[in-house]
Amino acid sequence: MEENMRTMEEYCRDYAAICEKEDDIPEELLEKFGVQRGLRDKQGNGVLAGLTNISRIEAFQMVDGVKTPCDGKLWYRGYNVLDLVKGFTGKRYGFEEIAYLLLFGDLPNEGQLKEFTEILAKGRTLPTNFTRDVIMKAPSADLMNSMTRSVLTLASYDDHTNELTLENVLRQCLGLISVFPMLAVYGYQAHNHYNCNDSLYIHRPQEELSTAENILLMLRPDKQYTPLEAKVLDIALVLHMEHGGGNNSSFTTRVVTSAGSDTYSVIAAALSSLKGPKHGGANIKVVEMMSDLREKVSDWSDEDAVRHYLERLLGKEEFDRKGLIYGMGHAVYSLSDPRAQVFKSFVEQLAREKGREKDFALYSMVERLAPQVISGKRHIYKGVSANVDFYSGFVYSMLDIPLELYTPIFAMARIVGWSAHRVEELVNMDKIIRPAYKSIMKEKEYVALEER
């Protein structure tokens, strides 16, 4: 090796500039060829890629023949999510019931729910020594990567990994739904123990407890939680469980499924899609933004000071200088995100229990002021409102859930939707999903190496 040879870092730094130049596609060409960036047009309409019977999102209505923004609605298998959440009265938890609904098309009766809950409970086991040999080996602060590795490794313990019968795929999906909380929580504990010198404790889930209760039990050293804490986490799981086939991770699920891939590879791909800050990691940005606001604004009740901060945020003068007010706006919803509306009532209850009323008041103020600031500074084609990420991070902080687990909790819920979309794609699949890309490259004449 020559002594003056560039390091890998130096080489990639220099060639990154070349990639940036060679791969740049002028904006005017997108207009010329009618390319809808992000598969959405400038009015926010998505390219129709398929049909689904699993869920529906409503953000507009026709008024006198004109498409008009309206309060958002979310439907699971024909049921309004607001009505479903209202049904979780008393000590009833909703995760298992709504998982059954999304997977099998309708709400279960008592016998069906009992059997389904028992199946999930029995599935909360990992292969012998899996926690020690896989999760705790090379623990990572990036828990989404840790979970993805664990999911792919689980394929090695399955004698029927590549069998695509519905019976086998359902078995695999139900097994992953059951163990996702364990993969995430144990991964967090392993990282904290080996990298942060925290005490290591592994609590096994209990069959008689709900998914939400088991998450809190496994996460907390003393295994203790209040009924309201478990209820709010359960609601969070239900609200994050499914959101149409067009969201990035669900569409990834369908694309990889259409290739004929196995369940573990499909779910690993979905996890990789979810982890980005534009998708499942958005609530972390909200928490970080609000923390920055608290530091910069001394009086949280001063509306003018909060408004000024939001204006500076939008002007790329505060926080990460991206010009975004995180937790505001949605690719589909306009006037309101129904998930945020459901969340807010439970958030207020939890804030009172936790003595966080001042924080809740600040969140409520930002929710009210941000749309005014955005509409005053930006041209928007539809309304701007708080999305589910705006309050979910605040909820997780009140539940003493560490920041590293925010996106994994999203995954614990959304794997139900992914599983439903995988099954629906398998039932109807006849072609691989392959959208078109138009080439704009110029042809070149080949020149031999010695002549270049």
Protein backbone atom coordinates (compact mmCIF):
# COMPACT_ATOMS: atom_id res chain seq x y z
CA MET A 1 0.00 0.00 0.00
CA GLU A 2 1.32 3.47 -0.85
CA GLU A 3 1.90 5.72 2.14
CA ASN A 4 0.06 8.64 0.53
CA MET A 5 -3.07 6.60 -0.24
CA ARG A 6 -6.24 8.25 0.99
CA THR A 7 -8.12 6.77 3.91
CA MET A 8 -11.61 5.36 3.37
CA GLU A 9 -13.05 8.47 5.03
CA GLU A 10 -11.09 10.83 2.79
CA TYR A 11 -11.96 8.85 -0.33
CA CYS A 12 -15.68 8.83 0.47
CA ARG A 13 -15.67 12.53 1.38
CA ASP A 14 -14.23 13.44 -2.01
CA TYR A 15 -16.44 11.07 -3.97
CA ALA A 16 -19.57 12.13 -2.15
CA ALA A 17 -19.21 15.46 -3.92
CA ILE A 18 -19.01 13.60 -7.23
CA CYS A 19 -22.19 11.64 -6.39
CA GLU A 20 -23.97 14.86 -5.47
CA LYS A 21 -23.10 16.35 -8.85
CA GLU A 22 -23.77 13.27 -11.00
CA ASP A 23 -27.00 12.23 -9.29
CA ASP A 24 -28.67 15.63 -9.09
CA ILE A 25 -31.95 15.76 -11.01
CA PRO A 26 -33.21 19.29 -11.81
CA GLU A 27 -36.58 20.15 -10.32
CA GLU A 28 -37.93 21.30 -13.68
CA LEU A 29 -37.57 17.76 -15.06
CA LEU A 30 -39.93 16.45 -12.38
CA GLU A 31 -42.48 18.98 -13.61
CA LYS A 32 -41.79 18.20 -17.27
CA PHE A 33 -42.39 14.46 -16.92
CA GLY A 34 -45.19 14.70 -14.36
CA VAL A 35 -43.25 12.96 -11.61
CA GLN A 36 -44.99 13.21 -8.24
CA ARG A 37 -42.17 13.43 -5.71
CA GLY A 38 -42.86 11.17 -2.76
CA LEU A 39 -45.71 9.68 -4.85
CA ARG A 40 -47.88 12.65 -3.83
CA ASP A 41 -48.93 15.63 -5.97
CA LYS A 42 -48.72 19.27 -4.87
CA GLN A 43 -52.24 19.08 -3.45
CA GLY A 44 -51.24 16.16 -1.23
CA ASN A 45 -53.04 13.45 -3.20
CA GLY A 46 -51.20 10.14 -3.20
CA VAL A 47 -50.63 7.95 -6.25
CA LEU A 48 -53.13 5.09 -6.08
CA ALA A 49 -50.98 1.98 -5.69
CA GLY A 50 -53.54 -0.59 -4.62
CA LEU A 51 -56.73 -1.41 -2.74
CA THR A 52 -57.14 -2.37 0.91
CA ASN A 53 -59.93 -3.41 3.22
CA ILE A 54 -57.91 -2.94 6.42
CA SER A 55 -58.21 0.76 7.21
CA ARG A 56 -59.24 4.11 5.75
CA ILE A 57 -58.13 7.68 6.38
CA GLU A 58 -60.43 10.64 5.70
CA ALA A 59 -59.16 14.21 5.55
CA PHE A 60 -61.34 15.79 2.87
CA GLN A 61 -65.00 15.83 1.89
CA MET A 62 -66.86 16.96 -1.21
CA VAL A 63 -68.83 20.16 -0.68
CA ASP A 64 -70.81 21.36 -3.74
CA GLY A 65 -68.47 19.35 -5.92
CA VAL A 66 -65.35 20.84 -4.35
CA LYS A 67 -62.81 18.83 -2.39
CA THR A 68 -62.75 20.52 1.02
CA PRO A 69 -60.57 19.84 4.11
CA CYS A 70 -62.45 18.33 7.05
CA ASP A 71 -61.71 16.95 10.50
CA GLY A 72 -59.79 13.72 10.09
CA LYS A 73 -61.28 10.28 10.58
CA LEU A 74 -59.56 6.92 10.88
CA TRP A 75 -61.38 3.64 10.30
CA TYR A 76 -60.21 0.14 11.22
CA ARG A 77 -62.06 -2.57 9.24
CA GLY A 78 -65.12 -0.32 8.96
CA TYR A 79 -65.13 0.90 12.58
CA ASN A 80 -64.38 4.51 13.52
CA VAL A 81 -61.36 4.51 15.84
CA LEU A 82 -63.10 7.02 18.11
CA ASP A 83 -65.91 4.53 18.70
CA LEU A 84 -63.45 1.70 19.32
CA VAL A 85 -61.55 3.66 21.96
CA LYS A 86 -64.79 4.66 23.71
CA GLY A 87 -65.49 0.94 24.12
CA PHE A 88 -62.43 0.37 26.29
CA THR A 89 -64.26 0.99 29.54
CA GLY A 90 -63.30 -0.07 33.06
CA LYS A 91 -60.31 -2.39 33.20
CA ARG A 92 -60.63 -3.47 29.57
CA TYR A 93 -57.54 -3.10 27.39
CA GLY A 94 -57.85 -2.67 23.65
CA PHE A 95 -54.61 -3.86 22.05
CA GLU A 96 -55.54 -7.53 21.81
CA GLU A 97 -59.11 -6.85 20.68
CA ILE A 98 -58.10 -4.41 17.93
CA ALA A 99 -55.25 -6.68 16.82
CA TYR A 100 -57.84 -9.41 16.27
CA LEU A 101 -60.02 -6.93 14.36
CA LEU A 102 -57.25 -5.83 12.01
CA LEU A 103 -55.98 -9.35 11.36
CA PHE A 104 -59.29 -11.15 10.94
CA GLY A 105 -61.73 -8.48 9.73
CA ASP A 106 -64.20 -8.03 12.58
CA LEU A 107 -64.42 -7.60 16.33
CA PRO A 108 -64.17 -10.82 18.33
CA ASN A 109 -66.82 -12.18 20.67
CA GLU A 110 -65.79 -13.02 24.24
CA GLY A 111 -64.70 -16.55 23.42
CA GLN A 112 -62.69 -15.50 20.37
CA LEU A 113 -60.98 -12.69 22.29
CA LYS A 114 -60.11 -15.00 25.19
CA GLU A 115 -58.57 -17.57 22.87
CA PHE A 116 -56.67 -14.94 20.85
CA THR A 117 -55.33 -13.31 24.04
CA GLU A 118 -54.16 -16.70 25.30
CA ILE A 119 -52.42 -17.42 21.98
CA LEU A 120 -50.51 -14.12 22.21
CA ALA A 121 -49.67 -14.76 25.88
CA LYS A 122 -48.26 -18.21 25.12
CA GLY A 123 -46.25 -16.71 22.29
CA ARG A 124 -44.32 -14.42 24.66
CA THR A 125 -41.33 -16.73 24.79
CA LEU A 126 -37.99 -16.55 23.01
CA PRO A 127 -35.83 -19.52 21.96
CA THR A 128 -33.52 -20.95 24.65
CA ASN A 129 -30.64 -18.55 25.41
CA PHE A 130 -31.81 -16.14 22.68
CA THR A 131 -31.76 -13.19 25.09
CA ARG A 132 -28.20 -14.00 26.13
CA ASP A 133 -26.76 -15.06 22.77
CA VAL A 134 -28.48 -12.59 20.44
CA ILE A 135 -29.99 -9.60 22.23
CA MET A 136 -27.18 -9.14 24.74
CA LYS A 137 -24.39 -9.80 22.29
CA ALA A 138 -23.07 -6.54 20.84
CA PRO A 139 -25.90 -4.45 22.41
CA SER A 140 -26.71 -1.27 20.52
CA ALA A 141 -28.04 2.13 21.54
CA ASP A 142 -30.04 2.00 18.30
CA LEU A 143 -32.82 -0.30 19.45
CA MET A 144 -34.52 -0.40 16.06
CA ASN A 145 -31.36 -1.93 14.60
CA SER A 146 -31.20 -4.29 17.56
CA MET A 147 -34.80 -5.38 16.96
CA THR A 148 -34.19 -5.83 13.24
CA ARG A 149 -31.19 -8.06 13.95
CA SER A 150 -33.23 -10.09 16.43
CA VAL A 151 -36.10 -10.55 13.96
CA LEU A 152 -33.76 -11.77 11.23
CA THR A 153 -32.04 -14.12 13.68
CA LEU A 154 -35.39 -15.60 14.73
CA ALA A 155 -35.69 -16.89 11.17
CA SER A 156 -32.83 -19.27 11.98
CA TYR A 157 -34.98 -20.92 14.66
CA ASP A 158 -37.93 -21.49 12.30
CA ASP A 159 -37.96 -24.73 10.29
CA HIS A 160 -40.57 -23.23 7.93
CA THR A 161 -39.13 -19.75 7.36
CA ASN A 162 -39.84 -19.61 3.63
CA GLU A 163 -43.22 -21.34 3.58
CA LEU A 164 -45.82 -18.84 2.33
CA THR A 165 -49.06 -20.59 3.26
CA LEU A 166 -51.44 -18.31 5.17
CA GLU A 167 -51.41 -20.73 8.08
CA ASN A 168 -47.63 -20.49 8.40
CA VAL A 169 -47.46 -16.74 7.83
CA LEU A 170 -50.11 -16.15 10.52
CA ARG A 171 -48.10 -18.30 12.93
CA GLN A 172 -45.00 -16.22 12.23
CA CYS A 173 -46.84 -12.89 12.49
CA LEU A 174 -48.58 -13.76 15.77
CA GLY A 175 -45.26 -14.94 17.17
CA LEU A 176 -43.57 -11.65 16.28
CA ILE A 177 -46.47 -9.58 17.65
CA SER A 178 -46.05 -11.48 20.92
CA VAL A 179 -42.27 -11.05 21.29
CA PHE A 180 -41.74 -7.53 19.93
CA PRO A 181 -42.02 -5.94 23.42
CA MET A 182 -39.43 -8.40 24.72
CA LEU A 183 -37.01 -7.72 21.85
CA ALA A 184 -37.24 -3.97 22.48
CA VAL A 185 -37.18 -3.85 26.29
CA TYR A 186 -34.48 -6.51 26.68
CA GLY A 187 -32.42 -4.73 24.03
CA TYR A 188 -32.67 -1.50 25.99
CA GLN A 189 -31.70 -3.19 29.24
CA ALA A 190 -28.73 -4.93 27.62
CA HIS A 191 -27.43 -1.64 26.22
CA ASN A 192 -27.82 0.13 29.57
CA HIS A 193 -26.10 -2.68 31.43
CA TYR A 194 -23.07 -3.13 29.21
CA ASN A 195 -22.61 0.45 27.97
CA CYS A 196 -23.97 2.52 30.87
CA ASN A 197 -23.14 0.23 33.82
CA ASP A 198 -26.77 0.05 34.95
CA SER A 199 -28.05 -2.96 36.86
CA LEU A 200 -29.30 -5.75 34.64
CA TYR A 201 -32.78 -7.09 35.27
CA ILE A 202 -34.84 -9.30 32.98
CA HIS A 203 -38.51 -9.55 33.93
CA ARG A 204 -40.46 -12.22 32.11
CA PRO A 205 -43.93 -11.21 30.86
CA GLN A 206 -46.92 -12.61 32.69
CA GLU A 207 -49.60 -14.50 30.77
CA GLU A 208 -52.52 -12.94 32.65
CA LEU A 209 -51.46 -9.37 31.82
CA SER A 210 -52.22 -7.31 28.72
CA THR A 211 -49.56 -6.24 26.25
CA ALA A 212 -49.47 -2.71 27.69
CA GLU A 213 -49.17 -3.98 31.26
CA ASN A 214 -46.37 -6.35 30.33
CA ILE A 215 -44.38 -3.59 28.62
CA LEU A 216 -44.42 -1.52 31.82
CA LEU A 217 -43.75 -4.58 34.00
CA MET A 218 -40.70 -5.60 31.96
CA LEU A 219 -39.35 -2.07 31.73
CA ARG A 220 -39.53 -1.01 35.38
CA PRO A 221 -37.13 -2.39 38.01
CA ASP A 222 -39.93 -2.69 40.60
CA LYS A 223 -42.49 -3.97 38.02
CA GLN A 224 -44.99 -1.39 39.33
CA TYR A 225 -47.40 0.78 37.29
CA THR A 226 -50.76 2.47 37.83
CA PRO A 227 -53.97 1.47 36.03
CA LEU A 228 -54.02 4.87 34.26
CA GLU A 229 -50.45 4.41 33.04
CA ALA A 230 -51.30 1.03 31.53
CA LYS A 231 -54.54 2.39 30.05
CA VAL A 232 -52.82 5.34 28.35
CA LEU A 233 -50.06 3.11 26.93
CA ASP A 234 -52.72 0.69 25.67
CA ILE A 235 -54.52 3.56 23.90
CA ALA A 236 -51.21 4.66 22.38
CA LEU A 237 -50.65 1.16 20.98
CA VAL A 238 -54.15 1.06 19.48
CA LEU A 239 -53.76 4.49 17.84
CA HIS A 240 -50.40 3.56 16.31
CA MET A 241 -51.47 0.09 15.18
CA GLU A 242 -52.52 0.87 11.62
CA HIS A 243 -52.70 3.82 9.24
CA GLY A 244 -53.52 2.77 5.70
CA GLY A 245 -51.42 0.92 3.15
CA GLY A 246 -49.68 4.06 1.89
CA ASN A 247 -47.60 4.90 4.95
CA ASN A 248 -43.93 4.22 4.34
CA SER A 249 -43.47 1.10 6.48
CA SER A 250 -46.78 -0.55 5.50
CA PHE A 251 -46.05 0.08 1.83
CA THR A 252 -42.59 -1.41 2.37
CA THR A 253 -44.31 -4.45 3.87
CA ARG A 254 -46.42 -4.89 0.77
CA VAL A 255 -43.53 -4.29 -1.66
CA VAL A 256 -41.27 -6.88 -0.01
CA THR A 257 -44.18 -9.31 0.39
CA SER A 258 -44.94 -8.99 -3.34
CA ALA A 259 -41.40 -10.20 -4.07
CA GLY A 260 -42.25 -13.51 -2.35
CA SER A 261 -39.96 -12.90 0.61
CA ASP A 262 -40.34 -14.55 4.03
CA THR A 263 -42.11 -12.98 7.02
CA TYR A 264 -38.93 -12.22 8.98
CA SER A 265 -37.33 -10.38 6.05
CA VAL A 266 -40.55 -8.47 5.41
CA ILE A 267 -40.86 -7.31 9.02
CA ALA A 268 -37.15 -6.43 9.15
CA ALA A 269 -37.66 -4.23 6.09
CA ALA A 270 -40.68 -2.58 7.72
CA LEU A 271 -38.66 -1.89 10.87
CA SER A 272 -35.93 -0.28 8.80
CA SER A 273 -38.51 1.93 7.12
CA LEU A 274 -40.19 2.94 10.39
CA LYS A 275 -37.04 4.07 12.20
CA GLY A 276 -36.51 7.26 10.20
CA PRO A 277 -37.29 10.67 11.76
CA LYS A 278 -39.82 11.34 8.98
CA HIS A 279 -41.85 8.30 10.06
CA GLY A 280 -41.65 6.48 13.40
CA GLY A 281 -38.94 8.66 14.89
CA ALA A 282 -40.91 11.90 14.60
CA ASN A 283 -42.09 11.98 18.23
CA ILE A 284 -38.47 12.08 19.41
CA LYS A 285 -37.98 15.30 17.46
CA VAL A 286 -41.07 16.78 19.15
CA VAL A 287 -39.70 16.01 22.62
CA GLU A 288 -36.31 17.50 21.73
CA MET A 289 -37.95 20.59 20.22
CA MET A 290 -40.10 21.15 23.31
CA SER A 291 -37.05 20.75 25.54
CA ASP A 292 -35.29 23.44 23.50
CA LEU A 293 -38.35 25.69 23.83
CA ARG A 294 -38.32 25.33 27.62
CA GLU A 295 -34.68 26.35 27.71
CA LYS A 296 -35.14 29.39 25.45
CA VAL A 297 -38.47 30.67 26.88
CA SER A 298 -38.31 31.42 30.60
CA ASP A 299 -42.03 32.11 31.08
CA TRP A 300 -44.00 29.22 29.54
CA SER A 301 -47.28 31.10 30.00
CA ASP A 302 -46.10 34.06 27.88
CA GLU A 303 -47.91 33.55 24.55
CA ASP A 304 -45.91 36.27 22.78
CA ALA A 305 -42.61 34.66 23.80
CA VAL A 306 -43.76 31.21 22.71
CA ARG A 307 -45.07 32.59 19.43
CA HIS A 308 -41.76 34.36 18.82
CA TYR A 309 -39.89 31.11 19.43
CA LEU A 310 -42.12 29.27 16.94
CA GLU A 311 -41.57 32.01 14.36
CA ARG A 312 -37.81 31.73 14.82
CA LEU A 313 -38.14 27.93 14.61
CA LEU A 314 -39.93 28.25 11.29
CA GLY A 315 -37.28 30.71 10.14
CA LYS A 316 -34.49 28.17 10.77
CA GLU A 317 -33.13 30.20 13.69
CA GLU A 318 -33.87 27.77 16.54
CA PHE A 319 -33.43 24.11 17.53
CA ASP A 320 -32.09 22.06 14.58
CA ARG A 321 -32.54 24.94 12.11
CA LYS A 322 -34.57 22.80 9.71
CA GLY A 323 -37.46 25.27 9.61
CA LEU A 324 -39.95 22.71 10.96
CA ILE A 325 -42.36 22.77 13.87
CA TYR A 326 -42.32 19.06 14.68
CA GLY A 327 -45.61 17.36 15.47
CA MET A 328 -47.53 19.81 13.29
CA GLY A 329 -49.08 18.82 10.00
CA HIS A 330 -49.52 15.48 8.29
CA ALA A 331 -49.16 14.13 4.77
CA VAL A 332 -52.85 13.19 4.72
CA TYR A 333 -54.79 14.95 7.51
CA SER A 334 -55.74 18.59 7.21
CA LEU A 335 -57.90 20.14 9.94
CA SER A 336 -57.23 17.50 12.58
CA ASP A 337 -55.60 14.14 13.22
CA PRO A 338 -58.20 11.99 15.04
CA ARG A 339 -55.45 10.08 16.83
CA ALA A 340 -54.12 13.29 18.37
CA GLN A 341 -57.63 14.26 19.45
CA VAL A 342 -58.15 10.92 21.21
CA PHE A 343 -54.72 11.10 22.79
CA LYS A 344 -55.17 14.59 24.17
CA SER A 345 -57.95 13.69 26.62
CA PHE A 346 -55.89 10.86 28.09
CA VAL A 347 -52.76 13.01 28.12
CA GLU A 348 -54.52 15.56 30.29
CA GLN A 349 -55.54 12.88 32.80
CA LEU A 350 -52.00 11.51 32.97
CA ALA A 351 -50.50 15.00 33.33
CA ARG A 352 -52.67 15.59 36.40
CA GLU A 353 -51.63 12.25 37.92
CA LYS A 354 -47.95 13.01 37.25
CA GLY A 355 -48.03 16.66 38.32
CA ARG A 356 -47.15 17.80 34.79
CA GLU A 357 -50.02 20.27 34.30
CA LYS A 358 -47.59 23.08 33.41
CA ASP A 359 -46.06 20.98 30.65
CA PHE A 360 -49.51 20.05 29.34
CA ALA A 361 -50.50 23.74 29.24
CA LEU A 362 -47.37 24.50 27.20
CA TYR A 363 -48.11 21.68 24.74
CA SER A 364 -51.69 22.93 24.40
CA MET A 365 -50.46 26.46 23.73
CA VAL A 366 -48.03 25.30 21.05
CA GLU A 367 -50.80 23.18 19.48
CA ARG A 368 -52.97 26.31 19.25
CA LEU A 369 -50.29 28.79 18.14
CA ALA A 370 -48.30 26.69 15.67
CA PRO A 371 -50.99 26.51 12.95
CA GLN A 372 -51.35 30.31 13.14
CA VAL A 373 -47.60 30.80 12.79
CA ILE A 374 -47.30 28.30 9.93
CA SER A 375 -50.26 29.70 7.95
CA GLY A 376 -48.84 33.21 8.40
CA LYS A 377 -45.42 32.26 7.04
CA ARG A 378 -46.10 29.51 4.50
CA HIS A 379 -48.49 28.90 1.64
CA ILE A 380 -50.41 25.75 2.50
CA TYR A 381 -53.01 23.89 0.46
CA LYS A 382 -54.75 22.38 3.47
CA GLY A 383 -55.08 22.90 7.19
CA VAL A 384 -52.25 22.31 9.65
CA SER A 385 -52.96 20.62 12.96
CA ALA A 386 -51.23 18.57 15.63
CA ASN A 387 -50.51 15.01 14.59
CA VAL A 388 -50.27 11.94 16.83
CA ASP A 389 -46.52 12.42 17.27
CA PHE A 390 -47.06 15.79 18.96
CA TYR A 391 -48.49 14.22 22.11
CA SER A 392 -47.10 10.67 22.01
CA GLY A 393 -43.58 11.68 23.02
CA PHE A 394 -44.98 13.69 25.94
CA VAL A 395 -47.01 10.64 27.00
CA TYR A 396 -43.97 8.36 26.89
CA SER A 397 -41.95 10.82 28.96
CA MET A 398 -44.68 10.85 31.62
CA LEU A 399 -44.61 7.05 31.60
CA ASP A 400 -40.86 7.22 32.29
CA ILE A 401 -40.17 5.44 29.03
CA PRO A 402 -36.64 6.22 27.81
CA LEU A 403 -36.22 8.11 24.55
CA GLU A 404 -34.52 5.11 22.93
CA LEU A 405 -37.76 3.12 23.20
CA TYR A 406 -40.12 5.67 21.61
CA THR A 407 -39.83 4.30 18.06
CA PRO A 408 -39.72 0.64 19.21
CA ILE A 409 -43.06 1.21 20.98
CA PHE A 410 -44.43 2.46 17.67
CA ALA A 411 -43.14 -0.80 16.15
CA MET A 412 -44.78 -2.91 18.89
CA ALA A 413 -48.10 -1.47 17.73
CA ARG A 414 -47.57 -1.16 13.98
CA ILE A 415 -46.45 -4.76 13.53
CA VAL A 416 -50.14 -5.63 13.77
CA GLY A 417 -50.89 -3.42 10.78
CA TRP A 418 -47.87 -4.76 8.92
CA SER A 419 -49.07 -8.31 9.54
CA ALA A 420 -52.56 -7.47 8.28
CA HIS A 421 -51.14 -5.89 5.12
CA ARG A 422 -48.80 -8.85 4.55
CA VAL A 423 -51.70 -11.28 4.74
CA GLU A 424 -53.90 -9.12 2.48
CA GLU A 425 -51.08 -8.82 -0.06
CA LEU A 426 -50.52 -12.59 -0.05
CA VAL A 427 -54.23 -13.28 -0.55
CA ASN A 428 -54.40 -10.95 -3.56
CA MET A 429 -50.85 -10.99 -4.89
CA ASP A 430 -50.29 -11.80 -8.53
CA LYS A 431 -47.48 -9.41 -9.49
CA ILE A 432 -44.41 -7.94 -7.88
CA ILE A 433 -44.84 -4.23 -7.05
CA ARG A 434 -42.61 -2.40 -9.50
CA PRO A 435 -43.30 1.29 -10.18
CA ALA A 436 -41.61 3.00 -13.14
CA TYR A 437 -38.68 5.40 -13.12
CA LYS A 438 -38.02 7.39 -16.28
CA SER A 439 -34.38 7.51 -17.28
CA ILE A 440 -32.99 10.93 -18.21
CA MET A 441 -29.39 9.85 -18.73
CA LYS A 442 -27.46 10.84 -21.83
CA GLU A 443 -25.89 8.12 -23.94
CA LYS A 444 -22.07 8.08 -24.02
CA GLU A 445 -19.57 6.52 -26.37
CA TYR A 446 -17.34 3.88 -24.76
CA VAL A 447 -13.63 4.67 -24.58
CA ALA A 448 -11.10 1.96 -23.69
CA LEU A 449 -9.31 2.32 -20.35
CA GLU A 450 -5.88 2.91 -21.88
CA GLU A 451 -7.28 5.78 -23.96
CA ARG A 452 -9.00 7.64 -21.12
